[in-house]
Amino acid sequence: MACIDNYSYNIILKGSFKECAKYIKDNYKSIRELQAGDEVIEGVMLIGKPPIPVAYEEDYIIFPYTKPCHGSYVLKVPLEEYIESETKNKKNKKEEENSDSKNKSMISKLKFW
């Protein structure tokens, strides 16, 4: 399973989860509210008190991310990271279908846009 450290991202803000969620709501227009445990990009699950605001701006996904033992951050991840993870996912899925594997690859939930 992937981890946020496998992606290129910028830290916009470090604070409490509540401060991070408020920052997103106050600074972005294109927002969707997701639930804890939802997957934003492959292998990256949301942690926090729902509803969790996830924003989209230009070619970026902006969301509050809580890393246990490190705290909460607002992360800005380039959309190209999502596209690359989807491309790998599709390639893996085709390989699995060809080998008749019973294991299904994980599909990102970023389809809410």
C-alpha atoms as a PDB file:
ATOM      1  CA  MET A   1       0.000   0.000   0.000  1.00  0.00           C
ATOM      2  CA  ALA A   2       1.183   3.497  -0.837  1.00  0.00           C
ATOM      3  CA  CYS A   3       1.986   6.201   1.677  1.00  0.00           C
ATOM      4  CA  ILE A   4       1.901  10.003   1.391  1.00  0.00           C
ATOM      5  CA  ASP A   5       5.712   9.926   1.440  1.00  0.00           C
ATOM      6  CA  ASN A   6       5.592   8.245  -1.995  1.00  0.00           C
ATOM      7  CA  TYR A   7       4.024  11.380  -3.496  1.00  0.00           C
ATOM      8  CA  SER A   8       5.339  14.842  -4.232  1.00  0.00           C
ATOM      9  CA  TYR A   9       3.501  17.380  -2.063  1.00  0.00           C
ATOM     10  CA  ASN A  10       3.779  20.806  -0.456  1.00  0.00           C
ATOM     11  CA  ILE A  11       2.890  21.508   3.142  1.00  0.00           C
ATOM     12  CA  ILE A  12       0.731  24.636   3.230  1.00  0.00           C
ATOM     13  CA  LEU A  13      -0.077  24.685   6.943  1.00  0.00           C
ATOM     14  CA  LYS A  14       0.747  22.728  10.095  1.00  0.00           C
ATOM     15  CA  GLY A  15      -1.762  22.891  12.920  1.00  0.00           C
ATOM     16  CA  SER A  16      -4.596  21.047  14.584  1.00  0.00           C
ATOM     17  CA  PHE A  17      -6.993  19.096  12.393  1.00  0.00           C
ATOM     18  CA  LYS A  18      -9.661  21.699  13.114  1.00  0.00           C
ATOM     19  CA  GLU A  19      -7.352  24.537  11.994  1.00  0.00           C
ATOM     20  CA  CYS A  20      -6.421  22.637   8.813  1.00  0.00           C
ATOM     21  CA  ALA A  21     -10.071  21.973   7.914  1.00  0.00           C
ATOM     22  CA  LYS A  22     -10.973  25.624   8.574  1.00  0.00           C
ATOM     23  CA  TYR A  23      -8.061  26.833   6.425  1.00  0.00           C
ATOM     24  CA  ILE A  24      -9.321  24.787   3.458  1.00  0.00           C
ATOM     25  CA  LYS A  25     -12.918  25.974   3.899  1.00  0.00           C
ATOM     26  CA  ASP A  26     -11.803  29.620   4.162  1.00  0.00           C
ATOM     27  CA  ASN A  27      -9.347  29.618   1.246  1.00  0.00           C
ATOM     28  CA  TYR A  28     -10.754  27.391  -1.499  1.00  0.00           C
ATOM     29  CA  LYS A  29     -13.970  27.390  -3.520  1.00  0.00           C
ATOM     30  CA  SER A  30     -14.071  23.908  -5.096  1.00  0.00           C
ATOM     31  CA  ILE A  31     -14.564  21.736  -2.027  1.00  0.00           C
ATOM     32  CA  ARG A  32     -16.042  18.302  -1.437  1.00  0.00           C
ATOM     33  CA  GLU A  33     -16.642  16.918   2.021  1.00  0.00           C
ATOM     34  CA  LEU A  34     -15.526  13.333   2.539  1.00  0.00           C
ATOM     35  CA  GLN A  35     -15.611  10.844   5.385  1.00  0.00           C
ATOM     36  CA  ALA A  36     -12.779   9.547   7.526  1.00  0.00           C
ATOM     37  CA  GLY A  37     -11.247   6.496   5.882  1.00  0.00           C
ATOM     38  CA  ASP A  38     -11.993   7.701   2.342  1.00  0.00           C
ATOM     39  CA  GLU A  39      -9.062   7.370  -0.036  1.00  0.00           C
ATOM     40  CA  VAL A  40      -8.021  10.633  -1.708  1.00  0.00           C
ATOM     41  CA  ILE A  41      -5.204   9.243  -3.848  1.00  0.00           C
ATOM     42  CA  GLU A  42      -4.075   5.636  -4.012  1.00  0.00           C
ATOM     43  CA  GLY A  43      -3.085   4.461  -0.556  1.00  0.00           C
ATOM     44  CA  VAL A  44      -3.719   7.810   1.165  1.00  0.00           C
ATOM     45  CA  MET A  45      -6.668   7.648   3.561  1.00  0.00           C
ATOM     46  CA  LEU A  46      -8.250  10.598   5.337  1.00  0.00           C
ATOM     47  CA  ILE A  47      -8.146  10.717   9.124  1.00  0.00           C
ATOM     48  CA  GLY A  48     -10.206  13.190  11.128  1.00  0.00           C
ATOM     49  CA  LYS A  49     -13.645  14.235  12.241  1.00  0.00           C
ATOM     50  CA  PRO A  50     -16.040  14.224   9.279  1.00  0.00           C
ATOM     51  CA  PRO A  51     -17.016  15.963   7.165  1.00  0.00           C
ATOM     52  CA  ILE A  52     -13.437  16.420   5.913  1.00  0.00           C
ATOM     53  CA  PRO A  53     -12.995  19.200   3.318  1.00  0.00           C
ATOM     54  CA  VAL A  54     -10.980  18.289   0.223  1.00  0.00           C
ATOM     55  CA  ALA A  55     -10.357  21.052  -2.297  1.00  0.00           C
ATOM     56  CA  TYR A  56      -9.406  21.106  -5.951  1.00  0.00           C
ATOM     57  CA  GLU A  57      -7.619  24.072  -7.480  1.00  0.00           C
ATOM     58  CA  GLU A  58      -6.008  24.249 -10.919  1.00  0.00           C
ATOM     59  CA  ASP A  59      -3.880  21.104 -11.066  1.00  0.00           C
ATOM     60  CA  TYR A  60      -3.780  20.372  -7.331  1.00  0.00           C
ATOM     61  CA  ILE A  61      -5.692  18.467  -4.677  1.00  0.00           C
ATOM     62  CA  ILE A  62      -5.649  20.143  -1.250  1.00  0.00           C
ATOM     63  CA  PHE A  63      -6.628  18.187   1.847  1.00  0.00           C
ATOM     64  CA  PRO A  64      -5.991  17.933   5.580  1.00  0.00           C
ATOM     65  CA  TYR A  65      -3.691  15.036   6.339  1.00  0.00           C
ATOM     66  CA  THR A  66      -3.023  13.640   9.774  1.00  0.00           C
ATOM     67  CA  LYS A  67       0.146  11.660  10.188  1.00  0.00           C
ATOM     68  CA  PRO A  68      -0.033   9.767  13.485  1.00  0.00           C
ATOM     69  CA  CYS A  69       2.657  10.922  15.937  1.00  0.00           C
ATOM     70  CA  HIS A  70       3.460  13.934  13.709  1.00  0.00           C
ATOM     71  CA  GLY A  71       0.260  15.988  13.649  1.00  0.00           C
ATOM     72  CA  SER A  72      -2.024  17.474  11.019  1.00  0.00           C
ATOM     73  CA  TYR A  73      -1.107  19.362   7.877  1.00  0.00           C
ATOM     74  CA  VAL A  74      -2.791  20.899   4.850  1.00  0.00           C
ATOM     75  CA  LEU A  75      -1.159  19.207   1.867  1.00  0.00           C
ATOM     76  CA  LYS A  76      -1.168  20.326  -1.746  1.00  0.00           C
ATOM     77  CA  VAL A  77      -0.592  17.382  -4.097  1.00  0.00           C
ATOM     78  CA  PRO A  78      -0.135  17.893  -7.854  1.00  0.00           C
ATOM     79  CA  LEU A  79      -2.858  16.274  -9.908  1.00  0.00           C
ATOM     80  CA  GLU A  80      -0.132  14.610 -11.996  1.00  0.00           C
ATOM     81  CA  GLU A  81       0.611  12.464  -8.920  1.00  0.00           C
ATOM     82  CA  TYR A  82      -2.953  11.193  -9.037  1.00  0.00           C
ATOM     83  CA  ILE A  83      -2.762  10.590 -12.786  1.00  0.00           C
ATOM     84  CA  GLU A  84       0.478   8.618 -12.369  1.00  0.00           C
ATOM     85  CA  SER A  85      -1.065   6.501  -9.597  1.00  0.00           C
ATOM     86  CA  GLU A  86      -4.112   5.829 -11.808  1.00  0.00           C
ATOM     87  CA  THR A  87      -1.895   4.874 -14.770  1.00  0.00           C
ATOM     88  CA  LYS A  88       0.033   2.416 -12.591  1.00  0.00           C
ATOM     89  CA  ASN A  89      -3.250   1.102 -11.234  1.00  0.00           C
ATOM     90  CA  LYS A  90      -4.649   0.466 -14.728  1.00  0.00           C
ATOM     91  CA  LYS A  91      -1.427  -1.235 -15.821  1.00  0.00           C
ATOM     92  CA  ASN A  92      -1.475  -3.457 -12.731  1.00  0.00           C
ATOM     93  CA  LYS A  93      -5.143  -4.264 -13.298  1.00  0.00           C
ATOM     94  CA  LYS A  94      -4.453  -5.380 -16.865  1.00  0.00           C
ATOM     95  CA  GLU A  95      -1.550  -7.545 -15.679  1.00  0.00           C
ATOM     96  CA  GLU A  96      -3.777  -9.102 -13.018  1.00  0.00           C
ATOM     97  CA  GLU A  97      -6.534  -9.834 -15.539  1.00  0.00           C
ATOM     98  CA  ASN A  98      -4.012 -11.465 -17.854  1.00  0.00           C
ATOM     99  CA  SER A  99      -2.678 -13.670 -15.073  1.00  0.00           C
ATOM    100  CA  ASP A 100      -6.192 -14.466 -13.756  1.00  0.00           C
ATOM    101  CA  SER A 101      -5.219 -13.104 -10.360  1.00  0.00           C
ATOM    102  CA  LYS A 102      -7.999 -12.948  -7.775  1.00  0.00           C
ATOM    103  CA  ASN A 103      -6.486  -9.915  -6.020  1.00  0.00           C
ATOM    104  CA  LYS A 104      -7.930  -6.583  -7.133  1.00  0.00           C
ATOM    105  CA  SER A 105      -5.760  -3.489  -7.203  1.00  0.00           C
ATOM    106  CA  MET A 106      -6.868  -0.488  -5.158  1.00  0.00           C
ATOM    107  CA  ILE A 107      -8.696   2.213  -7.091  1.00  0.00           C
ATOM    108  CA  SER A 108      -8.535   5.794  -5.903  1.00  0.00           C
ATOM    109  CA  LYS A 109     -11.704   7.512  -4.733  1.00  0.00           C
ATOM    110  CA  LEU A 110     -10.795  10.825  -6.361  1.00  0.00           C
ATOM    111  CA  LYS A 111     -13.721  10.261  -8.700  1.00  0.00           C
ATOM    112  CA  PHE A 112     -15.916  12.554  -6.653  1.00  0.00           C
ATOM    113  CA  TRP A 113     -15.104  15.460  -8.980  1.00  0.00           C
END
